[in-house]
Amino acid sequence: MRLRLFMLALLSALLSHCSSYHGNGCGSAQCRPLSASHQLVIWWPTDMRNGTQDYSLVPVR
């Protein structure tokens, strides 16, 4: 019985860690904005950033 409770607690901890957010609310590249026909997304390297924002949105005409 104790082994089952331990395994359940371990599994719950592992699953909750995998689904948690990292830092800005998303830890993967899938949450990043993409360029479109009306805007261009420019990704800045760390040495060229002004503050914490790592990209800029530029309107396309």
PDB file of N, CA and C in Angstrom:
ATOM      1  N   MET A   1       0.826  -1.202   0.000  1.00  0.00           N
ATOM      2  CA  MET A   1       0.000   0.000   0.000  1.00  0.00           C
ATOM      3  C   MET A   1       0.867   1.262   0.000  1.00  0.00           C
ATOM      4  N   ARG A   2       1.917   1.266   0.820  1.00  0.00           N
ATOM      5  CA  ARG A   2       2.794   2.435   0.872  1.00  0.00           C
ATOM      6  C   ARG A   2       3.542   2.622  -0.444  1.00  0.00           C
ATOM      7  N   LEU A   3       3.905   1.513  -1.058  1.00  0.00           N
ATOM      8  CA  LEU A   3       4.600   1.601  -2.339  1.00  0.00           C
ATOM      9  C   LEU A   3       3.700   2.231  -3.398  1.00  0.00           C
ATOM     10  N   ARG A   4       2.432   1.884  -3.406  1.00  0.00           N
ATOM     11  CA  ARG A   4       1.496   2.474  -4.371  1.00  0.00           C
ATOM     12  C   ARG A   4       1.331   3.972  -4.140  1.00  0.00           C
ATOM     13  N   LEU A   5       1.234   4.372  -2.882  1.00  0.00           N
ATOM     14  CA  LEU A   5       1.109   5.798  -2.576  1.00  0.00           C
ATOM     15  C   LEU A   5       2.376   6.551  -2.981  1.00  0.00           C
ATOM     16  N   PHE A   6       3.520   5.939  -2.717  1.00  0.00           N
ATOM     17  CA  PHE A   6       4.782   6.562  -3.108  1.00  0.00           C
ATOM     18  C   PHE A   6       4.876   6.703  -4.623  1.00  0.00           C
ATOM     19  N   MET A   7       4.516   5.663  -5.348  1.00  0.00           N
ATOM     20  CA  MET A   7       4.566   5.708  -6.809  1.00  0.00           C
ATOM     21  C   MET A   7       3.583   6.741  -7.361  1.00  0.00           C
ATOM     22  N   LEU A   8       2.405   6.828  -6.762  1.00  0.00           N
ATOM     23  CA  LEU A   8       1.421   7.822  -7.184  1.00  0.00           C
ATOM     24  C   LEU A   8       1.938   9.234  -6.936  1.00  0.00           C
ATOM     25  N   ALA A   9       2.546   9.462  -5.782  1.00  0.00           N
ATOM     26  CA  ALA A   9       3.099  10.780  -5.476  1.00  0.00           C
ATOM     27  C   ALA A   9       4.246  11.125  -6.422  1.00  0.00           C
ATOM     28  N   LEU A  10       5.093  10.162  -6.713  1.00  0.00           N
ATOM     29  CA  LEU A  10       6.207  10.384  -7.627  1.00  0.00           C
ATOM     30  C   LEU A  10       5.710  10.694  -9.039  1.00  0.00           C
ATOM     31  N   LEU A  11       4.754   9.940  -9.506  1.00  0.00           N
ATOM     32  CA  LEU A  11       4.186  10.176 -10.832  1.00  0.00           C
ATOM     33  C   LEU A  11       3.511  11.546 -10.908  1.00  0.00           C
ATOM     34  N   SER A  12       2.789  11.916  -9.868  1.00  0.00           N
ATOM     35  CA  SER A  12       2.134  13.228  -9.840  1.00  0.00           C
ATOM     36  C   SER A  12       3.159  14.355  -9.873  1.00  0.00           C
ATOM     37  N   ALA A  13       4.241  14.196  -9.124  1.00  0.00           N
ATOM     38  CA  ALA A  13       5.280  15.227  -9.108  1.00  0.00           C
ATOM     39  C   ALA A  13       5.942  15.354 -10.475  1.00  0.00           C
ATOM     40  N   LEU A  14       6.216  14.238 -11.115  1.00  0.00           N
ATOM     41  CA  LEU A  14       6.840  14.283 -12.439  1.00  0.00           C
ATOM     42  C   LEU A  14       5.925  14.933 -13.470  1.00  0.00           C
ATOM     43  N   LEU A  15       4.662  14.581 -13.454  1.00  0.00           N
ATOM     44  CA  LEU A  15       3.720  15.157 -14.421  1.00  0.00           C
ATOM     45  C   LEU A  15       3.482  16.640 -14.175  1.00  0.00           C
ATOM     46  N   SER A  16       3.425  17.047 -12.919  1.00  0.00           N
ATOM     47  CA  SER A  16       3.200  18.461 -12.636  1.00  0.00           C
ATOM     48  C   SER A  16       4.410  19.291 -13.037  1.00  0.00           C
ATOM     49  N   HIS A  17       5.600  18.729 -12.932  1.00  0.00           N
ATOM     50  CA  HIS A  17       6.794  19.461 -13.359  1.00  0.00           C
ATOM     51  C   HIS A  17       6.812  19.619 -14.878  1.00  0.00           C
ATOM     52  N   CYS A  18       6.399  18.622 -15.595  1.00  0.00           N
ATOM     53  CA  CYS A  18       6.409  18.687 -17.061  1.00  0.00           C
ATOM     54  C   CYS A  18       5.403  19.693 -17.594  1.00  0.00           C
ATOM     55  N   SER A  19       4.335  19.929 -16.884  1.00  0.00           N
ATOM     56  CA  SER A  19       3.298  20.819 -17.383  1.00  0.00           C
ATOM     57  C   SER A  19       3.418  22.235 -16.844  1.00  0.00           C
ATOM     58  N   SER A  20       4.422  22.518 -16.033  1.00  0.00           N
ATOM     59  CA  SER A  20       4.535  23.851 -15.451  1.00  0.00           C
ATOM     60  C   SER A  20       5.126  24.827 -16.461  1.00  0.00           C
ATOM     61  N   TYR A  21       4.834  26.108 -16.251  1.00  0.00           N
ATOM     62  CA  TYR A  21       5.362  27.156 -17.110  1.00  0.00           C
ATOM     63  C   TYR A  21       6.749  27.548 -16.634  1.00  0.00           C
ATOM     64  N   HIS A  22       7.568  28.047 -17.543  1.00  0.00           N
ATOM     65  CA  HIS A  22       8.926  28.448 -17.219  1.00  0.00           C
ATOM     66  C   HIS A  22       9.103  29.926 -17.544  1.00  0.00           C
ATOM     67  N   GLY A  23       9.309  30.741 -16.534  1.00  0.00           N
ATOM     68  CA  GLY A  23       9.646  32.150 -16.730  1.00  0.00           C
ATOM     69  C   GLY A  23       8.523  32.972 -17.300  1.00  0.00           C
ATOM     70  N   ASN A  24       8.502  33.149 -18.591  1.00  0.00           N
ATOM     71  CA  ASN A  24       7.559  34.062 -19.227  1.00  0.00           C
ATOM     72  C   ASN A  24       6.205  33.438 -19.541  1.00  0.00           C
ATOM     73  N   GLY A  25       5.917  32.285 -19.012  1.00  0.00           N
ATOM     74  CA  GLY A  25       4.642  31.638 -19.252  1.00  0.00           C
ATOM     75  C   GLY A  25       4.720  30.540 -20.282  1.00  0.00           C
ATOM     76  N   CYS A  26       5.833  30.413 -20.939  1.00  0.00           N
ATOM     77  CA  CYS A  26       6.000  29.340 -21.912  1.00  0.00           C
ATOM     78  C   CYS A  26       7.481  29.040 -22.048  1.00  0.00           C
ATOM     79  N   GLY A  27       7.805  27.782 -21.987  1.00  0.00           N
ATOM     80  CA  GLY A  27       9.196  27.408 -22.071  1.00  0.00           C
ATOM     81  C   GLY A  27       9.612  26.825 -23.398  1.00  0.00           C
ATOM     82  N   SER A  28       8.777  26.903 -24.397  1.00  0.00           N
ATOM     83  CA  SER A  28       9.132  26.292 -25.675  1.00  0.00           C
ATOM     84  C   SER A  28       9.040  27.306 -26.803  1.00  0.00           C
ATOM     85  N   ALA A  29       9.634  26.963 -27.917  1.00  0.00           N
ATOM     86  CA  ALA A  29       9.611  27.844 -29.087  1.00  0.00           C
ATOM     87  C   ALA A  29       8.230  27.914 -29.721  1.00  0.00           C
ATOM     88  N   GLN A  30       7.320  27.011 -29.373  1.00  0.00           N
ATOM     89  CA  GLN A  30       5.978  27.011 -29.949  1.00  0.00           C
ATOM     90  C   GLN A  30       5.163  28.215 -29.505  1.00  0.00           C
ATOM     91  N   CYS A  31       5.525  28.850 -28.408  1.00  0.00           N
ATOM     92  CA  CYS A  31       4.780  30.008 -27.909  1.00  0.00           C
ATOM     93  C   CYS A  31       5.280  31.323 -28.486  1.00  0.00           C
ATOM     94  N   ARG A  32       6.337  31.285 -29.239  1.00  0.00           N
ATOM     95  CA  ARG A  32       6.897  32.507 -29.803  1.00  0.00           C
ATOM     96  C   ARG A  32       6.041  33.008 -30.958  1.00  0.00           C
ATOM     97  N   PRO A  33       5.929  34.339 -31.104  1.00  0.00           N
ATOM     98  CA  PRO A  33       5.159  34.864 -32.235  1.00  0.00           C
ATOM     99  C   PRO A  33       5.894  34.619 -33.549  1.00  0.00           C
ATOM    100  N   LEU A  34       5.134  34.457 -34.597  1.00  0.00           N
ATOM    101  CA  LEU A  34       5.692  34.221 -35.926  1.00  0.00           C
ATOM    102  C   LEU A  34       5.447  35.426 -36.817  1.00  0.00           C
ATOM    103  N   SER A  35       6.278  35.592 -37.813  1.00  0.00           N
ATOM    104  CA  SER A  35       6.069  36.655 -38.793  1.00  0.00           C
ATOM    105  C   SER A  35       4.835  36.336 -39.627  1.00  0.00           C
ATOM    106  N   ALA A  36       4.177  37.383 -40.096  1.00  0.00           N
ATOM    107  CA  ALA A  36       2.983  37.230 -40.927  1.00  0.00           C
ATOM    108  C   ALA A  36       3.070  38.251 -42.060  1.00  0.00           C
ATOM    109  N   SER A  37       2.045  38.309 -42.880  1.00  0.00           N
ATOM    110  CA  SER A  37       2.061  39.237 -44.014  1.00  0.00           C
ATOM    111  C   SER A  37       1.978  40.696 -43.569  1.00  0.00           C
ATOM    112  N   HIS A  38       1.506  40.970 -42.373  1.00  0.00           N
ATOM    113  CA  HIS A  38       1.364  42.341 -41.894  1.00  0.00           C
ATOM    114  C   HIS A  38       2.394  42.733 -40.841  1.00  0.00           C
ATOM    115  N   GLN A  39       3.200  41.779 -40.352  1.00  0.00           N
ATOM    116  CA  GLN A  39       4.224  42.104 -39.364  1.00  0.00           C
ATOM    117  C   GLN A  39       5.412  41.152 -39.483  1.00  0.00           C
ATOM    118  N   LEU A  40       6.583  41.685 -39.143  1.00  0.00           N
ATOM    119  CA  LEU A  40       7.817  40.917 -39.167  1.00  0.00           C
ATOM    120  C   LEU A  40       8.332  40.811 -37.742  1.00  0.00           C
ATOM    121  N   VAL A  41       8.689  39.621 -37.315  1.00  0.00           N
ATOM    122  CA  VAL A  41       9.228  39.404 -35.978  1.00  0.00           C
ATOM    123  C   VAL A  41      10.747  39.338 -36.090  1.00  0.00           C
ATOM    124  N   ILE A  42      11.425  40.213 -35.357  1.00  0.00           N
ATOM    125  CA  ILE A  42      12.886  40.237 -35.344  1.00  0.00           C
ATOM    126  C   ILE A  42      13.353  39.721 -33.994  1.00  0.00           C
ATOM    127  N   TRP A  43      14.136  38.652 -34.022  1.00  0.00           N
ATOM    128  CA  TRP A  43      14.677  38.057 -32.794  1.00  0.00           C
ATOM    129  C   TRP A  43      16.059  38.636 -32.541  1.00  0.00           C
ATOM    130  N   TRP A  44      16.263  39.161 -31.325  1.00  0.00           N
ATOM    131  CA  TRP A  44      17.516  39.816 -30.977  1.00  0.00           C
ATOM    132  C   TRP A  44      18.400  38.881 -30.159  1.00  0.00           C
ATOM    133  N   PRO A  45      19.706  38.832 -30.483  1.00  0.00           N
ATOM    134  CA  PRO A  45      20.627  38.072 -29.630  1.00  0.00           C
ATOM    135  C   PRO A  45      20.782  38.772 -28.277  1.00  0.00           C
ATOM    136  N   THR A  46      21.260  38.065 -27.300  1.00  0.00           N
ATOM    137  CA  THR A  46      21.325  38.606 -25.932  1.00  0.00           C
ATOM    138  C   THR A  46      22.176  39.863 -25.834  1.00  0.00           C
ATOM    139  N   ASP A  47      23.223  39.990 -26.614  1.00  0.00           N
ATOM    140  CA  ASP A  47      24.082  41.174 -26.514  1.00  0.00           C
ATOM    141  C   ASP A  47      23.498  42.403 -27.208  1.00  0.00           C
ATOM    142  N   MET A  48      22.404  42.262 -27.956  1.00  0.00           N
ATOM    143  CA  MET A  48      21.789  43.391 -28.655  1.00  0.00           C
ATOM    144  C   MET A  48      20.430  43.783 -28.079  1.00  0.00           C
ATOM    145  N   ARG A  49      20.008  43.178 -26.991  1.00  0.00           N
ATOM    146  CA  ARG A  49      18.681  43.451 -26.422  1.00  0.00           C
ATOM    147  C   ARG A  49      18.692  44.701 -25.558  1.00  0.00           C
ATOM    148  N   ASN A  50      17.563  45.407 -25.584  1.00  0.00           N
ATOM    149  CA  ASN A  50      17.319  46.519 -24.672  1.00  0.00           C
ATOM    150  C   ASN A  50      16.319  46.047 -23.633  1.00  0.00           C
ATOM    151  N   GLY A  51      16.791  45.513 -22.538  1.00  0.00           N
ATOM    152  CA  GLY A  51      15.908  44.988 -21.504  1.00  0.00           C
ATOM    153  C   GLY A  51      15.732  43.493 -21.648  1.00  0.00           C
ATOM    154  N   THR A  52      14.553  43.010 -21.253  1.00  0.00           N
ATOM    155  CA  THR A  52      14.314  41.569 -21.233  1.00  0.00           C
ATOM    156  C   THR A  52      13.601  41.052 -22.474  1.00  0.00           C
ATOM    157  N   GLN A  53      13.057  41.943 -23.291  1.00  0.00           N
ATOM    158  CA  GLN A  53      12.319  41.491 -24.477  1.00  0.00           C
ATOM    159  C   GLN A  53      13.293  40.973 -25.528  1.00  0.00           C
ATOM    160  N   ASP A  54      13.057  39.763 -26.023  1.00  0.00           N
ATOM    161  CA  ASP A  54      13.988  39.144 -26.964  1.00  0.00           C
ATOM    162  C   ASP A  54      13.551  39.254 -28.422  1.00  0.00           C
ATOM    163  N   TYR A  55      12.463  39.965 -28.697  1.00  0.00           N
ATOM    164  CA  TYR A  55      12.027  40.154 -30.081  1.00  0.00           C
ATOM    165  C   TYR A  55      11.338  41.507 -30.234  1.00  0.00           C
ATOM    166  N   SER A  56      11.231  41.948 -31.490  1.00  0.00           N
ATOM    167  CA  SER A  56      10.507  43.170 -31.829  1.00  0.00           C
ATOM    168  C   SER A  56       9.540  42.855 -32.958  1.00  0.00           C
ATOM    169  N   LEU A  57       8.390  43.513 -32.947  1.00  0.00           N
ATOM    170  CA  LEU A  57       7.401  43.383 -34.018  1.00  0.00           C
ATOM    171  C   LEU A  57       7.460  44.635 -34.883  1.00  0.00           C
ATOM    172  N   VAL A  58       7.699  44.439 -36.176  1.00  0.00           N
ATOM    173  CA  VAL A  58       7.805  45.555 -37.114  1.00  0.00           C
ATOM    174  C   VAL A  58       6.680  45.419 -38.129  1.00  0.00           C
ATOM    175  N   PRO A  59       5.846  46.462 -38.286  1.00  0.00           N
ATOM    176  CA  PRO A  59       4.769  46.372 -39.273  1.00  0.00           C
ATOM    177  C   PRO A  59       5.323  46.375 -40.695  1.00  0.00           C
ATOM    178  N   VAL A  60       4.687  45.611 -41.567  1.00  0.00           N
ATOM    179  CA  VAL A  60       5.070  45.529 -42.974  1.00  0.00           C
ATOM    180  C   VAL A  60       3.998  46.244 -43.783  1.00  0.00           C
ATOM    181  N   ARG A  61       4.412  47.100 -44.687  1.00  0.00           N
ATOM    182  CA  ARG A  61       3.449  47.858 -45.508  1.00  0.00           C
ATOM    183  C   ARG A  61       3.356  47.293 -46.886  1.00  0.00           C
TER     184      ARG A  61
END
